[in-house]
Protein backbone atom coordinates (compact mmCIF):
# COMPACT_ATOMS: atom_id res chain seq x y z
CA UNK A 1 -51.43 168.75 63.32
CA UNK A 2 -50.73 166.01 65.97
CA UNK A 3 -51.34 162.38 64.97
CA UNK A 4 -54.32 160.97 66.76
CA UNK A 5 -53.86 158.12 69.48
CA UNK A 6 -50.24 158.53 69.98
CA UNK A 7 -49.06 159.05 73.59
CA UNK A 8 -48.12 162.56 74.63
CA UNK A 9 -44.70 162.44 76.38
CA UNK A 10 -43.85 164.95 79.18
CA UNK A 11 -41.46 167.82 78.31
CA UNK A 12 -40.18 170.78 80.21
CA UNK A 13 -41.13 170.99 83.90
CA UNK A 14 -43.45 167.92 83.54
CA UNK A 15 -40.36 165.90 82.30
CA UNK A 16 -38.29 167.21 85.23
CA UNK A 17 -40.88 166.08 87.61
CA UNK A 18 -41.16 162.62 85.95
CA UNK A 19 -37.42 162.08 86.33
CA UNK A 20 -37.53 163.02 89.96
CA UNK A 21 -39.95 160.17 90.60
CA UNK A 22 -37.36 157.62 89.41
CA UNK A 23 -35.37 156.06 92.30
CA UNK A 24 -31.59 156.29 92.39
CA UNK A 25 -29.59 153.12 92.27
CA UNK A 26 -29.02 153.28 96.06
CA UNK A 27 -32.92 153.75 96.61
CA UNK A 28 -33.47 150.68 94.22
CA UNK A 29 -31.14 148.62 96.49
CA UNK A 30 -32.96 149.87 99.58
CA UNK A 31 -36.39 148.98 98.14
CA UNK A 32 -35.21 145.56 97.03
CA UNK A 33 -33.84 144.95 100.44
CA UNK A 34 -37.13 145.90 102.22
CA UNK A 35 -39.19 143.66 99.89
CA UNK A 36 -36.81 140.76 100.33
CA UNK A 37 -36.99 141.21 104.23
CA UNK A 38 -40.78 141.39 104.16
CA UNK A 39 -41.05 138.22 102.26
CA UNK A 40 -38.53 136.45 104.57
CA UNK A 41 -40.35 137.66 107.65
CA UNK A 42 -43.65 136.48 106.24
CA UNK A 43 -42.28 133.13 105.32
CA UNK A 44 -40.56 132.65 108.76
CA UNK A 45 -43.92 133.54 110.50
CA UNK A 46 -45.67 130.92 108.32
CA UNK A 47 -43.03 128.17 109.01
CA UNK A 48 -43.27 128.88 112.77
CA UNK A 49 -47.02 128.59 112.69
CA UNK A 50 -46.70 125.26 111.03
CA UNK A 51 -44.17 124.10 113.56
CA UNK A 52 -46.26 125.27 116.38
CA UNK A 53 -49.39 123.54 114.98
CA UNK A 54 -47.37 120.40 114.37
CA UNK A 55 -45.95 120.38 117.69
CA UNK A 56 -49.26 120.78 119.33
CA UNK A 57 -50.78 118.04 117.20
CA UNK A 58 -47.92 115.74 118.08
CA UNK A 59 -48.36 116.17 121.79
CA UNK A 60 -52.08 115.96 121.63
CA UNK A 61 -51.79 112.76 119.53
CA UNK A 62 -49.12 111.23 121.80
CA UNK A 63 -46.47 111.03 119.23
CA UNK A 64 -44.10 113.48 120.81
CA UNK A 65 -40.77 112.06 122.01
CA UNK A 66 -37.09 112.82 121.75
CA UNK A 67 -34.18 110.38 121.78
CA UNK A 68 -36.37 107.46 122.89
CA UNK A 69 -34.21 104.34 123.29
CA UNK A 70 -35.33 100.82 124.62
CA UNK A 71 -32.89 98.17 125.32
CA UNK A 72 -34.15 94.71 126.11
CA UNK A 73 -32.54 91.41 127.14
CA UNK A 74 -28.66 91.49 127.50
CA UNK A 75 -28.82 94.86 125.66
CA UNK A 76 -30.34 96.32 128.88
CA UNK A 77 -26.95 95.97 130.48
CA UNK A 78 -28.21 93.40 133.00
CA UNK A 79 -27.18 89.77 133.78
CA UNK A 80 -30.59 88.45 132.84
CA UNK A 81 -32.62 88.46 129.64
CA UNK A 82 -35.71 89.65 131.50
CA UNK A 83 -34.74 93.26 131.84
CA UNK A 84 -35.77 96.28 129.82
CA UNK A 85 -34.41 99.81 130.03
CA UNK A 86 -36.06 102.86 128.73
CA UNK A 87 -34.40 106.15 128.27
CA UNK A 88 -35.65 109.54 126.61
CA UNK A 89 -34.63 113.19 126.78
CA UNK A 90 -38.37 113.83 126.78
CA UNK A 91 -41.70 111.99 125.89
CA UNK A 92 -45.43 112.99 125.91
CA UNK A 93 -47.71 110.83 127.81
CA UNK A 94 -51.30 111.52 127.45
CA UNK A 95 -50.61 115.20 127.21
CA UNK A 96 -48.01 115.34 130.02
CA UNK A 97 -44.34 115.98 128.93
CA UNK A 98 -41.89 114.02 131.00
CA UNK A 99 -38.17 114.77 130.74
CA UNK A 100 -34.99 112.94 131.56
CA UNK A 101 -36.40 109.40 131.59
CA UNK A 102 -34.10 106.47 132.54
CA UNK A 103 -35.82 103.56 134.02
CA UNK A 104 -35.27 99.84 134.10
CA UNK A 105 -38.01 97.03 134.56
CA UNK A 106 -37.93 93.36 134.98
CA UNK A 107 -40.55 91.59 133.09
CA UNK A 108 -40.83 88.77 135.62
CA UNK A 109 -41.84 91.48 138.29
CA UNK A 110 -43.58 94.33 136.44
CA UNK A 111 -46.31 92.41 134.65
CA UNK A 112 -49.73 94.10 135.18
CA UNK A 113 -51.38 90.67 135.61
CA UNK A 114 -50.61 86.84 135.26
CA UNK A 115 -47.25 85.22 134.92
CA UNK A 116 -44.51 85.31 132.42
CA UNK A 117 -45.26 82.91 129.40
CA UNK A 118 -43.15 81.64 126.54
CA UNK A 119 -43.52 82.85 122.92
CA UNK A 120 -45.74 85.84 123.89
CA UNK A 121 -45.65 89.63 122.98
CA UNK A 122 -45.72 92.04 125.84
CA UNK A 123 -46.31 95.69 125.05
CA UNK A 124 -44.18 98.16 127.10
CA UNK A 125 -46.18 100.87 128.89
CA UNK A 126 -44.66 104.07 130.39
CA UNK A 127 -46.69 105.98 132.96
CA UNK A 128 -46.50 109.21 134.92
CA UNK A 129 -48.22 110.76 137.81
CA UNK A 130 -47.86 114.12 136.30
CA UNK A 131 -45.37 115.49 138.69
CA UNK A 132 -42.19 113.79 137.42
CA UNK A 133 -42.81 110.22 138.66
CA UNK A 134 -42.43 107.60 136.02
CA UNK A 135 -43.32 103.73 136.06
CA UNK A 136 -43.00 100.88 133.57
CA UNK A 137 -45.72 98.37 133.09
CA UNK A 138 -45.37 95.25 130.87
CA UNK A 139 -48.67 93.86 129.81
CA UNK A 140 -50.36 91.62 127.22
CA UNK A 141 -52.73 94.63 126.60
CA UNK A 142 -52.06 96.65 123.42
CA UNK A 143 -54.93 99.07 124.15
CA UNK A 144 -54.89 101.60 127.00
CA UNK A 145 -58.32 100.65 128.33
CA UNK A 146 -57.23 96.93 128.83
CA UNK A 147 -54.43 97.75 131.14
CA UNK A 148 -54.69 96.35 134.61
CA UNK A 149 -53.58 98.84 137.13
CA UNK A 150 -53.08 97.85 140.93
CA UNK A 151 -52.26 99.57 144.13
CA UNK A 152 -48.59 100.08 142.85
CA UNK A 153 -49.94 102.39 140.11
CA UNK A 154 -51.96 104.61 142.43
CA UNK A 155 -51.66 108.20 141.16
CA UNK A 156 -50.27 107.17 137.78
CA UNK A 157 -53.08 108.20 135.59
CA UNK A 158 -51.25 108.85 132.26
CA UNK A 159 -50.03 106.00 130.23
CA UNK A 160 -48.38 105.55 126.86
CA UNK A 161 -47.29 102.41 124.97
CA UNK A 162 -43.72 102.88 123.78
CA UNK A 163 -42.88 99.51 122.37
CA UNK A 164 -43.33 95.76 122.66
CA UNK A 165 -41.26 92.74 123.84
CA UNK A 166 -41.50 89.08 122.81
CA UNK A 167 -40.34 86.12 124.84
CA UNK A 168 -38.79 82.91 123.32
CA UNK A 169 -39.49 79.33 124.08
CA UNK A 170 -37.59 79.67 127.34
CA UNK A 171 -39.59 82.70 128.41
CA UNK A 172 -36.48 85.00 127.91
CA UNK A 173 -36.72 88.23 126.09
CA UNK A 174 -35.69 88.55 122.52
CA UNK A 175 -32.88 91.17 122.64
CA UNK A 176 -33.87 94.36 120.99
CA UNK A 177 -32.50 97.78 120.34
CA UNK A 178 -35.19 100.33 119.69
CA UNK A 179 -34.49 103.80 118.74
CA UNK A 180 -37.56 105.85 118.26
CA UNK A 181 -40.13 103.75 116.25
CA UNK A 182 -37.54 101.44 114.71
CA UNK A 183 -36.89 98.18 116.54
CA UNK A 184 -33.78 95.98 115.65
CA UNK A 185 -33.42 92.46 116.88
CA UNK A 186 -29.96 91.63 118.26
CA UNK A 187 -30.02 88.05 117.03
CA UNK A 188 -28.73 86.14 114.04
CA UNK A 189 -31.11 86.12 111.04
CA UNK A 190 -31.68 82.31 111.29
CA UNK A 191 -33.52 82.96 114.58
CA UNK A 192 -35.73 85.42 112.98
CA UNK A 193 -36.93 83.42 110.01
CA UNK A 194 -40.52 83.98 108.64
CA UNK A 195 -40.44 82.10 105.43
CA UNK A 196 -38.71 78.85 104.51
CA UNK A 197 -38.22 77.69 100.96
CA UNK A 198 -40.94 79.80 99.39
CA UNK A 199 -41.48 78.78 95.74
CA UNK A 200 -44.91 80.48 94.91
CA UNK A 201 -45.00 81.91 91.39
CA UNK A 202 -48.00 84.02 92.29
CA UNK A 203 -48.05 86.49 95.27
CA UNK A 204 -48.28 84.62 98.54
CA UNK A 205 -48.10 85.87 102.08
CA UNK A 206 -45.07 86.08 104.35
CA UNK A 207 -46.38 86.11 107.87
CA UNK A 208 -44.17 88.37 110.12
CA UNK A 209 -46.56 88.22 113.11
CA UNK A 210 -44.41 85.77 115.03
CA UNK A 211 -41.72 88.57 115.58
CA UNK A 212 -43.82 91.71 114.79
CA UNK A 213 -46.49 93.20 117.21
CA UNK A 214 -49.92 94.00 115.76
CA UNK A 215 -49.10 97.68 116.05
CA UNK A 216 -46.24 97.38 113.48
CA UNK A 217 -46.75 99.41 110.27
CA UNK A 218 -43.66 98.34 108.19
CA UNK A 219 -41.04 95.71 108.30
CA UNK A 220 -37.38 95.50 107.10
CA UNK A 221 -37.31 92.19 105.32
CA UNK A 222 -34.05 90.41 104.65
CA UNK A 223 -34.14 87.76 101.82
CA UNK A 224 -32.01 84.89 100.55
CA UNK A 225 -32.60 83.59 97.04
CA UNK A 226 -31.34 80.23 95.80
CA UNK A 227 -31.50 78.79 92.25
CA UNK A 228 -33.31 75.49 92.16
CA UNK A 229 -32.66 74.55 88.46
CA UNK A 230 -31.15 75.70 85.32
CA UNK A 231 -28.97 78.69 84.91
CA UNK A 232 -31.46 81.60 84.34
CA UNK A 233 -31.12 84.56 86.73
CA UNK A 234 -33.16 84.64 89.91
CA UNK A 235 -36.00 87.18 89.94
CA UNK A 236 -38.17 87.63 93.02
CA UNK A 237 -40.69 90.36 93.94
CA UNK A 238 -41.49 91.45 97.47
CA UNK A 239 -44.86 93.26 97.94
CA UNK A 240 -46.46 95.57 100.37
CA UNK A 241 -49.11 93.64 102.31
CA UNK A 242 -49.77 90.19 100.65
CA UNK A 243 -51.42 91.49 97.52
CA UNK A 244 -50.76 93.94 94.73
CA UNK A 245 -51.20 97.41 96.06
CA UNK A 246 -52.51 99.98 93.55
CA UNK A 247 -49.87 102.76 92.91
CA UNK A 248 -47.01 101.15 94.85
CA UNK A 249 -44.72 98.83 93.02
CA UNK A 250 -43.01 95.69 94.61
CA UNK A 251 -39.31 95.50 95.41
CA UNK A 252 -37.69 93.48 92.66
CA UNK A 253 -34.83 91.14 93.62
CA UNK A 254 -32.58 89.99 90.75
CA UNK A 255 -29.32 87.99 90.77
CA UNK A 256 -27.45 86.12 88.19
CA UNK A 257 -25.95 83.66 90.43
CA UNK A 258 -26.70 80.43 91.90
CA UNK A 259 -27.53 81.83 95.38
CA UNK A 260 -27.42 85.17 97.21
CA UNK A 261 -28.35 87.33 100.13
CA UNK A 262 -30.31 90.56 99.48
CA UNK A 263 -30.30 93.61 101.62
CA UNK A 264 -33.40 94.31 103.58
CA UNK A 265 -36.26 95.94 101.80
CA UNK A 266 -38.81 98.03 103.61
CA UNK A 267 -42.32 96.85 103.11
CA UNK A 268 -45.65 97.90 104.48
CA UNK A 269 -47.61 95.29 106.40
CA UNK A 270 -51.33 94.34 106.21
CA UNK A 271 -53.60 94.23 109.20
CA UNK A 272 -52.36 90.71 109.95
CA UNK A 273 -48.64 91.68 109.83
CA UNK A 274 -48.05 90.12 106.54
CA UNK A 275 -46.18 91.20 103.31
CA UNK A 276 -45.99 89.21 100.13
CA UNK A 277 -43.62 87.53 97.63
CA UNK A 278 -43.48 85.86 94.27
CA UNK A 279 -40.83 84.00 92.38
CA UNK A 280 -40.78 85.52 88.88
CA UNK A 281 -38.17 83.38 87.28
CA UNK A 282 -39.80 80.10 88.31
CA UNK A 283 -36.37 78.57 89.12
CA UNK A 284 -35.77 79.69 92.70
CA UNK A 285 -36.82 79.49 96.24
CA UNK A 286 -36.91 82.25 99.00
CA UNK A 287 -35.95 82.37 102.59
CA UNK A 288 -37.12 85.50 104.50
CA UNK A 289 -36.17 87.11 107.86
CA UNK A 290 -37.10 89.98 110.07
CA UNK A 291 -34.11 91.85 111.34
CA UNK A 292 -36.12 94.92 112.16
CA UNK A 293 -39.50 96.59 111.98
CA UNK A 294 -41.21 99.98 112.57
CA UNK A 295 -43.76 100.27 115.46
CA UNK A 296 -46.61 102.84 115.52
CA UNK A 297 -46.00 104.29 118.92
């Protein structure tokens, strides 16, 4: 008498039929290959969809550019520090893709309005007529709606800000090398100083606005620390914005020497182009400089 609830295993013809349903080793390999291919194809389609959506969003949001380079001052390969040269393999301008850009402008001749002034920031605007023509317009306007277009820009309806320049006290351009959104100054650090002898023990602002446009999002801040008394190590904190930011720790600078230079730290700026610092050791002072920043173009 059979024991209740035990499985009844196939035998005879049923067992033969069951064995015939088991794939051979070669069939197993083929099945695995098909499954892997199906998974890879599905993943590739998903990735392509993400790329397509991202590219469409970039163009529509005006973020598309490839190999954008801006040279200003002597870096523009000119004999004057009023020149700016813009090159790009391609760039999106209000939905229009322009390829093979290579154009040079002179800030003394290509201002939208007014005359060149000292210690002033000038946004760089790139325009197109939609059929391959490209123009550069330099302006004090950081907003598209504030641009002043005259007869020379007739037909050029698409404009995009691609960077910003700054003049010195002699109305000459600060030399810059811009690659994509990153802007590096081609000057000694002493010319780009934004903090002198900072000694605050609590978080205090470092105003980077003299060299950084209002559209900048981050700054690459170089620092020099110097011991003012005793022999304790120097401890300095550099902060995003000019206050403590929840969830984002400060950059800590530490040195067990009397004075030292620190490698630039990347810090987020607040709406007034400020970051912050604090002397943690109580025995030091800080000099800060702006060798580079990231622009929101």
